[in-house]
All heavy atoms as atom14 arrays in JSON, in Angstrom:
{
  "sequence": "AGTRNIEGVIGLGAATDYLQHISFSKIQQYEKTLITYAL",
  "atom14_mask": [
    [1, 1, 1, 1, 1, 0, 0, 0, 0, 0, 0, 0, 0, 0],
    [1, 1, 1, 1, 0, 0, 0, 0, 0, 0, 0, 0, 0, 0],
    [1, 1, 1, 1, 1, 1, 1, 0, 0, 0, 0, 0, 0, 0],
    [1, 1, 1, 1, 1, 1, 1, 1, 1, 1, 1, 0, 0, 0],
    [1, 1, 1, 1, 1, 1, 1, 1, 0, 0, 0, 0, 0, 0],
    [1, 1, 1, 1, 1, 1, 1, 1, 0, 0, 0, 0, 0, 0],
    [1, 1, 1, 1, 1, 1, 1, 1, 1, 0, 0, 0, 0, 0],
    [1, 1, 1, 1, 0, 0, 0, 0, 0, 0, 0, 0, 0, 0],
    [1, 1, 1, 1, 1, 1, 1, 0, 0, 0, 0, 0, 0, 0],
    [1, 1, 1, 1, 1, 1, 1, 1, 0, 0, 0, 0, 0, 0],
    [1, 1, 1, 1, 0, 0, 0, 0, 0, 0, 0, 0, 0, 0],
    [1, 1, 1, 1, 1, 1, 1, 1, 0, 0, 0, 0, 0, 0],
    [1, 1, 1, 1, 0, 0, 0, 0, 0, 0, 0, 0, 0, 0],
    [1, 1, 1, 1, 1, 0, 0, 0, 0, 0, 0, 0, 0, 0],
    [1, 1, 1, 1, 1, 0, 0, 0, 0, 0, 0, 0, 0, 0],
    [1, 1, 1, 1, 1, 1, 1, 0, 0, 0, 0, 0, 0, 0],
    [1, 1, 1, 1, 1, 1, 1, 1, 0, 0, 0, 0, 0, 0],
    [1, 1, 1, 1, 1, 1, 1, 1, 1, 1, 1, 1, 0, 0],
    [1, 1, 1, 1, 1, 1, 1, 1, 0, 0, 0, 0, 0, 0],
    [1, 1, 1, 1, 1, 1, 1, 1, 1, 0, 0, 0, 0, 0],
    [1, 1, 1, 1, 1, 1, 1, 1, 1, 1, 0, 0, 0, 0],
    [1, 1, 1, 1, 1, 1, 1, 1, 0, 0, 0, 0, 0, 0],
    [1, 1, 1, 1, 1, 1, 0, 0, 0, 0, 0, 0, 0, 0],
    [1, 1, 1, 1, 1, 1, 1, 1, 1, 1, 1, 0, 0, 0],
    [1, 1, 1, 1, 1, 1, 0, 0, 0, 0, 0, 0, 0, 0],
    [1, 1, 1, 1, 1, 1, 1, 1, 1, 0, 0, 0, 0, 0],
    [1, 1, 1, 1, 1, 1, 1, 1, 0, 0, 0, 0, 0, 0],
    [1, 1, 1, 1, 1, 1, 1, 1, 1, 0, 0, 0, 0, 0],
    [1, 1, 1, 1, 1, 1, 1, 1, 1, 0, 0, 0, 0, 0],
    [1, 1, 1, 1, 1, 1, 1, 1, 1, 1, 1, 1, 0, 0],
    [1, 1, 1, 1, 1, 1, 1, 1, 1, 0, 0, 0, 0, 0],
    [1, 1, 1, 1, 1, 1, 1, 1, 1, 0, 0, 0, 0, 0],
    [1, 1, 1, 1, 1, 1, 1, 0, 0, 0, 0, 0, 0, 0],
    [1, 1, 1, 1, 1, 1, 1, 1, 0, 0, 0, 0, 0, 0],
    [1, 1, 1, 1, 1, 1, 1, 1, 0, 0, 0, 0, 0, 0],
    [1, 1, 1, 1, 1, 1, 1, 0, 0, 0, 0, 0, 0, 0],
    [1, 1, 1, 1, 1, 1, 1, 1, 1, 1, 1, 1, 0, 0],
    [1, 1, 1, 1, 1, 0, 0, 0, 0, 0, 0, 0, 0, 0],
    [1, 1, 1, 1, 1, 1, 1, 1, 0, 0, 0, 0, 0, 0]
  ],
  "atom14_positions": [
    [[3.18, 8.97, 11.84], [3.02, 9.08, 10.45], [4.19, 9.67, 9.76], [4.74, 10.62, 10.26], [1.74, 9.89, 10.13], [0.0, 0.0, 0.0], [0.0, 0.0, 0.0], [0.0, 0.0, 0.0], [0.0, 0.0, 0.0], [0.0, 0.0, 0.0], [0.0, 0.0, 0.0], [0.0, 0.0, 0.0], [0.0, 0.0, 0.0], [0.0, 0.0, 0.0]],
    [[4.59, 9.11, 8.65], [5.65, 9.69, 7.86], [7.08, 9.4, 8.43], [7.24, 8.66, 9.36], [0.0, 0.0, 0.0], [0.0, 0.0, 0.0], [0.0, 0.0, 0.0], [0.0, 0.0, 0.0], [0.0, 0.0, 0.0], [0.0, 0.0, 0.0], [0.0, 0.0, 0.0], [0.0, 0.0, 0.0], [0.0, 0.0, 0.0], [0.0, 0.0, 0.0]],
    [[8.03, 10.06, 7.91], [9.43, 9.93, 8.41], [9.56, 10.52, 9.71], [9.14, 11.64, 10.05], [10.43, 10.59, 7.35], [10.14, 10.1, 6.11], [11.78, 10.36, 7.81], [0.0, 0.0, 0.0], [0.0, 0.0, 0.0], [0.0, 0.0, 0.0], [0.0, 0.0, 0.0], [0.0, 0.0, 0.0], [0.0, 0.0, 0.0], [0.0, 0.0, 0.0]],
    [[10.21, 9.75, 10.61], [10.31, 10.22, 11.99], [11.33, 11.35, 12.07], [12.28, 11.47, 11.31], [10.85, 9.05, 12.84], [9.83, 7.98, 13.04], [10.36, 6.88, 13.97], [9.37, 5.97, 14.25], [9.31, 4.76, 13.84], [10.38, 4.22, 13.14], [8.29, 3.88, 14.16], [0.0, 0.0, 0.0], [0.0, 0.0, 0.0], [0.0, 0.0, 0.0]],
    [[10.97, 12.28, 13.01], [11.8, 13.44, 13.23], [12.87, 13.1, 14.24], [12.88, 13.52, 15.45], [10.92, 14.57, 13.78], [11.6, 15.87, 14.05], [12.81, 16.02, 13.76], [10.9, 16.8, 14.62], [0.0, 0.0, 0.0], [0.0, 0.0, 0.0], [0.0, 0.0, 0.0], [0.0, 0.0, 0.0], [0.0, 0.0, 0.0], [0.0, 0.0, 0.0]],
    [[13.82, 12.29, 13.78], [14.82, 11.72, 14.7], [15.72, 12.86, 15.23], [15.99, 12.83, 16.49], [15.76, 10.79, 13.9], [14.91, 9.53, 13.43], [16.97, 10.26, 14.8], [15.57, 8.7, 12.41], [0.0, 0.0, 0.0], [0.0, 0.0, 0.0], [0.0, 0.0, 0.0], [0.0, 0.0, 0.0], [0.0, 0.0, 0.0], [0.0, 0.0, 0.0]],
    [[16.17, 13.8, 14.52], [16.9, 14.91, 15.04], [16.16, 15.73, 16.08], [16.74, 16.22, 17.05], [17.56, 15.75, 13.91], [16.46, 16.51, 13.06], [15.84, 15.74, 12.02], [16.05, 14.44, 11.9], [14.94, 16.31, 11.27], [0.0, 0.0, 0.0], [0.0, 0.0, 0.0], [0.0, 0.0, 0.0], [0.0, 0.0, 0.0], [0.0, 0.0, 0.0]],
    [[14.9, 15.87, 15.85], [14.05, 16.6, 16.78], [13.86, 15.87, 18.12], [13.98, 16.51, 19.16], [0.0, 0.0, 0.0], [0.0, 0.0, 0.0], [0.0, 0.0, 0.0], [0.0, 0.0, 0.0], [0.0, 0.0, 0.0], [0.0, 0.0, 0.0], [0.0, 0.0, 0.0], [0.0, 0.0, 0.0], [0.0, 0.0, 0.0], [0.0, 0.0, 0.0]],
    [[13.76, 14.66, 18.05], [13.66, 13.79, 19.29], [15.0, 13.87, 20.05], [14.94, 13.98, 21.25], [13.15, 12.39, 18.94], [13.23, 11.46, 20.15], [11.77, 12.44, 18.35], [0.0, 0.0, 0.0], [0.0, 0.0, 0.0], [0.0, 0.0, 0.0], [0.0, 0.0, 0.0], [0.0, 0.0, 0.0], [0.0, 0.0, 0.0], [0.0, 0.0, 0.0]],
    [[16.08, 13.7, 19.35], [17.39, 13.73, 19.99], [17.6, 15.12, 20.62], [18.08, 15.26, 21.74], [18.49, 13.39, 18.91], [18.44, 11.96, 18.61], [19.89, 13.77, 19.56], [19.28, 11.6, 17.38], [0.0, 0.0, 0.0], [0.0, 0.0, 0.0], [0.0, 0.0, 0.0], [0.0, 0.0, 0.0], [0.0, 0.0, 0.0], [0.0, 0.0, 0.0]],
    [[17.25, 16.2, 19.94], [17.4, 17.55, 20.39], [16.46, 17.76, 21.64], [16.86, 18.43, 22.69], [0.0, 0.0, 0.0], [0.0, 0.0, 0.0], [0.0, 0.0, 0.0], [0.0, 0.0, 0.0], [0.0, 0.0, 0.0], [0.0, 0.0, 0.0], [0.0, 0.0, 0.0], [0.0, 0.0, 0.0], [0.0, 0.0, 0.0], [0.0, 0.0, 0.0]],
    [[15.2, 17.21, 21.65], [14.27, 17.34, 22.73], [14.9, 16.58, 23.98], [14.82, 17.03, 25.07], [12.9, 16.85, 22.45], [11.88, 16.82, 23.64], [11.66, 18.26, 24.03], [10.59, 16.21, 23.07], [0.0, 0.0, 0.0], [0.0, 0.0, 0.0], [0.0, 0.0, 0.0], [0.0, 0.0, 0.0], [0.0, 0.0, 0.0], [0.0, 0.0, 0.0]],
    [[15.48, 15.4, 23.66], [16.18, 14.63, 24.76], [17.23, 15.42, 25.37], [17.42, 15.42, 26.67], [0.0, 0.0, 0.0], [0.0, 0.0, 0.0], [0.0, 0.0, 0.0], [0.0, 0.0, 0.0], [0.0, 0.0, 0.0], [0.0, 0.0, 0.0], [0.0, 0.0, 0.0], [0.0, 0.0, 0.0], [0.0, 0.0, 0.0], [0.0, 0.0, 0.0]],
    [[18.13, 16.08, 24.6], [19.22, 16.77, 25.08], [18.73, 18.05, 25.89], [19.32, 18.3, 26.95], [20.12, 17.28, 23.92], [0.0, 0.0, 0.0], [0.0, 0.0, 0.0], [0.0, 0.0, 0.0], [0.0, 0.0, 0.0], [0.0, 0.0, 0.0], [0.0, 0.0, 0.0], [0.0, 0.0, 0.0], [0.0, 0.0, 0.0], [0.0, 0.0, 0.0]],
    [[17.58, 18.67, 25.44], [17.03, 19.83, 26.16], [16.42, 19.36, 27.52], [16.71, 19.99, 28.54], [15.98, 20.48, 25.35], [0.0, 0.0, 0.0], [0.0, 0.0, 0.0], [0.0, 0.0, 0.0], [0.0, 0.0, 0.0], [0.0, 0.0, 0.0], [0.0, 0.0, 0.0], [0.0, 0.0, 0.0], [0.0, 0.0, 0.0], [0.0, 0.0, 0.0]],
    [[15.85, 18.21, 27.52], [15.32, 17.65, 28.73], [16.43, 17.3, 29.71], [16.35, 17.64, 30.94], [14.45, 16.35, 28.43], [13.44, 16.72, 27.57], [13.91, 15.8, 29.7], [0.0, 0.0, 0.0], [0.0, 0.0, 0.0], [0.0, 0.0, 0.0], [0.0, 0.0, 0.0], [0.0, 0.0, 0.0], [0.0, 0.0, 0.0], [0.0, 0.0, 0.0]],
    [[17.52, 16.68, 29.31], [18.66, 16.43, 30.17], [19.24, 17.72, 30.65], [19.53, 17.77, 31.91], [19.78, 15.69, 29.39], [19.31, 14.25, 28.93], [18.43, 13.69, 29.57], [20.02, 13.72, 28.06], [0.0, 0.0, 0.0], [0.0, 0.0, 0.0], [0.0, 0.0, 0.0], [0.0, 0.0, 0.0], [0.0, 0.0, 0.0], [0.0, 0.0, 0.0]],
    [[19.38, 18.71, 29.87], [19.92, 20.03, 30.31], [19.02, 20.58, 31.39], [19.55, 21.07, 32.46], [19.98, 20.94, 29.09], [20.45, 22.35, 29.49], [21.76, 22.68, 29.88], [19.59, 23.37, 29.42], [22.21, 23.97, 30.13], [19.97, 24.69, 29.74], [21.27, 24.93, 30.1], [21.62, 26.22, 30.38], [0.0, 0.0, 0.0], [0.0, 0.0, 0.0]],
    [[17.73, 20.62, 31.21], [16.8, 21.26, 32.15], [16.83, 20.44, 33.42], [16.76, 21.02, 34.59], [15.4, 21.36, 31.61], [15.22, 22.29, 30.43], [13.79, 22.2, 29.84], [15.57, 23.69, 30.89], [0.0, 0.0, 0.0], [0.0, 0.0, 0.0], [0.0, 0.0, 0.0], [0.0, 0.0, 0.0], [0.0, 0.0, 0.0], [0.0, 0.0, 0.0]],
    [[16.91, 19.07, 33.36], [16.94, 18.27, 34.59], [18.23, 18.53, 35.28], [18.3, 18.54, 36.63], [16.78, 16.82, 34.18], [15.37, 16.49, 33.85], [15.21, 15.0, 33.41], [16.09, 14.38, 32.94], [14.03, 14.43, 33.74], [0.0, 0.0, 0.0], [0.0, 0.0, 0.0], [0.0, 0.0, 0.0], [0.0, 0.0, 0.0], [0.0, 0.0, 0.0]],
    [[19.35, 18.82, 34.59], [20.62, 19.08, 35.29], [20.46, 20.4, 36.02], [21.08, 20.46, 37.19], [21.75, 19.2, 34.17], [22.99, 19.61, 34.77], [23.84, 18.78, 35.44], [23.66, 20.79, 34.67], [24.89, 19.41, 35.84], [24.87, 20.62, 35.38], [0.0, 0.0, 0.0], [0.0, 0.0, 0.0], [0.0, 0.0, 0.0], [0.0, 0.0, 0.0]],
    [[19.9, 21.42, 35.48], [19.71, 22.69, 36.15], [18.74, 22.46, 37.37], [18.97, 23.05, 38.4], [19.16, 23.75, 35.22], [20.12, 24.04, 34.14], [18.77, 24.95, 36.02], [19.63, 25.01, 33.11], [0.0, 0.0, 0.0], [0.0, 0.0, 0.0], [0.0, 0.0, 0.0], [0.0, 0.0, 0.0], [0.0, 0.0, 0.0], [0.0, 0.0, 0.0]],
    [[17.7, 21.73, 37.16], [16.69, 21.36, 38.07], [15.47, 22.22, 37.87], [15.53, 23.48, 37.8], [17.05, 21.25, 39.54], [16.6, 22.35, 40.28], [0.0, 0.0, 0.0], [0.0, 0.0, 0.0], [0.0, 0.0, 0.0], [0.0, 0.0, 0.0], [0.0, 0.0, 0.0], [0.0, 0.0, 0.0], [0.0, 0.0, 0.0], [0.0, 0.0, 0.0]],
    [[14.3, 21.63, 37.7], [13.08, 22.39, 37.46], [12.72, 23.3, 38.67], [12.16, 24.34, 38.42], [11.92, 21.47, 37.12], [12.09, 20.75, 35.77], [12.48, 19.47, 35.73], [11.88, 21.48, 34.63], [12.64, 18.85, 34.44], [12.06, 20.87, 33.41], [12.45, 19.61, 33.32], [0.0, 0.0, 0.0], [0.0, 0.0, 0.0], [0.0, 0.0, 0.0]],
    [[13.11, 22.87, 39.86], [12.74, 23.81, 41.04], [13.59, 25.06, 40.98], [13.13, 26.13, 41.31], [12.93, 23.04, 42.33], [14.24, 22.6, 42.53], [0.0, 0.0, 0.0], [0.0, 0.0, 0.0], [0.0, 0.0, 0.0], [0.0, 0.0, 0.0], [0.0, 0.0, 0.0], [0.0, 0.0, 0.0], [0.0, 0.0, 0.0], [0.0, 0.0, 0.0]],
    [[14.89, 24.94, 40.54], [15.66, 26.08, 40.39], [15.17, 27.05, 39.33], [15.22, 28.28, 39.43], [17.19, 25.77, 40.12], [17.84, 25.28, 41.41], [19.29, 24.95, 41.09], [20.01, 24.4, 42.35], [21.44, 24.02, 42.0], [0.0, 0.0, 0.0], [0.0, 0.0, 0.0], [0.0, 0.0, 0.0], [0.0, 0.0, 0.0], [0.0, 0.0, 0.0]],
    [[14.74, 26.44, 38.23], [14.24, 27.18, 37.07], [12.94, 27.89, 37.51], [12.8, 29.1, 37.29], [13.9, 26.34, 35.92], [15.22, 25.76, 35.28], [13.16, 27.06, 34.81], [15.07, 24.63, 34.25], [0.0, 0.0, 0.0], [0.0, 0.0, 0.0], [0.0, 0.0, 0.0], [0.0, 0.0, 0.0], [0.0, 0.0, 0.0], [0.0, 0.0, 0.0]],
    [[12.12, 27.21, 38.23], [10.85, 27.82, 38.77], [11.16, 29.01, 39.73], [10.55, 30.03, 39.6], [9.99, 26.73, 39.46], [8.65, 27.33, 39.9], [7.83, 26.28, 40.49], [8.29, 25.28, 41.02], [6.52, 26.42, 40.45], [0.0, 0.0, 0.0], [0.0, 0.0, 0.0], [0.0, 0.0, 0.0], [0.0, 0.0, 0.0], [0.0, 0.0, 0.0]],
    [[12.07, 28.8, 40.63], [12.49, 29.86, 41.56], [13.03, 31.09, 40.83], [12.67, 32.19, 41.14], [13.56, 29.29, 42.59], [13.93, 30.23, 43.68], [14.92, 29.56, 44.56], [15.67, 28.64, 44.19], [15.04, 30.13, 45.7], [0.0, 0.0, 0.0], [0.0, 0.0, 0.0], [0.0, 0.0, 0.0], [0.0, 0.0, 0.0], [0.0, 0.0, 0.0]],
    [[13.87, 30.79, 39.82], [14.44, 31.92, 39.14], [13.37, 32.68, 38.28], [13.32, 33.92, 38.3], [15.55, 31.39, 38.16], [16.2, 32.49, 37.36], [17.08, 33.43, 37.98], [16.0, 32.65, 35.97], [17.71, 34.38, 37.2], [16.62, 33.61, 35.25], [17.43, 34.54, 35.9], [18.04, 35.57, 35.18], [0.0, 0.0, 0.0], [0.0, 0.0, 0.0]],
    [[12.49, 31.92, 37.7], [11.36, 32.52, 36.97], [10.5, 33.42, 37.93], [10.09, 34.57, 37.56], [10.42, 31.48, 36.35], [10.93, 31.05, 35.05], [9.95, 30.15, 34.22], [8.8, 30.47, 34.28], [10.39, 29.28, 33.54], [0.0, 0.0, 0.0], [0.0, 0.0, 0.0], [0.0, 0.0, 0.0], [0.0, 0.0, 0.0], [0.0, 0.0, 0.0]],
    [[10.25, 32.92, 39.11], [9.4, 33.74, 40.08], [10.14, 35.02, 40.45], [9.46, 36.05, 40.55], [9.17, 32.92, 41.36], [8.14, 31.82, 41.25], [6.78, 32.4, 41.08], [5.76, 31.24, 41.01], [4.48, 31.63, 40.57], [0.0, 0.0, 0.0], [0.0, 0.0, 0.0], [0.0, 0.0, 0.0], [0.0, 0.0, 0.0], [0.0, 0.0, 0.0]],
    [[11.47, 34.96, 40.59], [12.18, 36.22, 40.81], [11.95, 37.15, 39.66], [11.72, 38.35, 39.89], [13.69, 35.92, 40.98], [13.84, 35.01, 42.14], [14.49, 37.15, 41.27], [0.0, 0.0, 0.0], [0.0, 0.0, 0.0], [0.0, 0.0, 0.0], [0.0, 0.0, 0.0], [0.0, 0.0, 0.0], [0.0, 0.0, 0.0], [0.0, 0.0, 0.0]],
    [[12.12, 36.77, 38.43], [11.95, 37.65, 37.29], [10.47, 38.05, 37.14], [10.2, 39.23, 36.73], [12.44, 36.92, 35.97], [13.89, 36.66, 35.86], [14.11, 35.97, 34.46], [14.67, 37.87, 35.98], [0.0, 0.0, 0.0], [0.0, 0.0, 0.0], [0.0, 0.0, 0.0], [0.0, 0.0, 0.0], [0.0, 0.0, 0.0], [0.0, 0.0, 0.0]],
    [[9.53, 37.16, 37.45], [8.14, 37.57, 37.37], [7.83, 38.67, 38.33], [7.16, 39.64, 37.96], [7.23, 36.3, 37.69], [7.31, 35.29, 36.44], [5.72, 36.72, 37.99], [6.66, 33.95, 36.74], [0.0, 0.0, 0.0], [0.0, 0.0, 0.0], [0.0, 0.0, 0.0], [0.0, 0.0, 0.0], [0.0, 0.0, 0.0], [0.0, 0.0, 0.0]],
    [[8.31, 38.54, 39.59], [8.15, 39.57, 40.59], [8.7, 40.88, 40.06], [8.11, 41.96, 40.2], [8.67, 39.11, 41.91], [7.99, 37.95, 42.36], [8.55, 40.21, 42.97], [0.0, 0.0, 0.0], [0.0, 0.0, 0.0], [0.0, 0.0, 0.0], [0.0, 0.0, 0.0], [0.0, 0.0, 0.0], [0.0, 0.0, 0.0], [0.0, 0.0, 0.0]],
    [[9.92, 40.82, 39.55], [10.64, 42.03, 39.02], [9.83, 42.66, 37.85], [9.68, 43.87, 37.85], [12.05, 41.59, 38.59], [12.97, 42.78, 38.31], [13.55, 43.41, 39.28], [13.2, 43.24, 37.03], [14.47, 44.47, 39.05], [14.07, 44.3, 36.71], [14.65, 44.94, 37.76], [15.52, 45.94, 37.49], [0.0, 0.0, 0.0], [0.0, 0.0, 0.0]],
    [[9.32, 41.82, 36.99], [8.55, 42.36, 35.85], [7.2, 43.0, 36.32], [6.81, 44.04, 35.81], [8.33, 41.26, 34.83], [0.0, 0.0, 0.0], [0.0, 0.0, 0.0], [0.0, 0.0, 0.0], [0.0, 0.0, 0.0], [0.0, 0.0, 0.0], [0.0, 0.0, 0.0], [0.0, 0.0, 0.0], [0.0, 0.0, 0.0], [0.0, 0.0, 0.0]],
    [[6.49, 42.29, 37.26], [5.31, 42.86, 37.8], [5.54, 44.15, 38.42], [4.72, 45.14, 38.25], [4.67, 41.85, 38.81], [4.03, 40.62, 38.15], [3.67, 39.61, 39.31], [2.85, 40.95, 37.26], [0.0, 0.0, 0.0], [0.0, 0.0, 0.0], [0.0, 0.0, 0.0], [0.0, 0.0, 0.0], [0.0, 0.0, 0.0], [0.0, 0.0, 0.0]]
  ]
}
C-alpha cells in the first residue's frame, strides 16, 4: 500500500549482505560469548 519504501528495502538488502558476509554462525558465537559474560 502506498509509495514503496525503496531506500528502506535497499538498506535492508545491504544489511543482509553485510550480515551474511560476517556469517550468522559467527555472530551467534560472538553473542553467546557476550551473553555468558553479561550473565
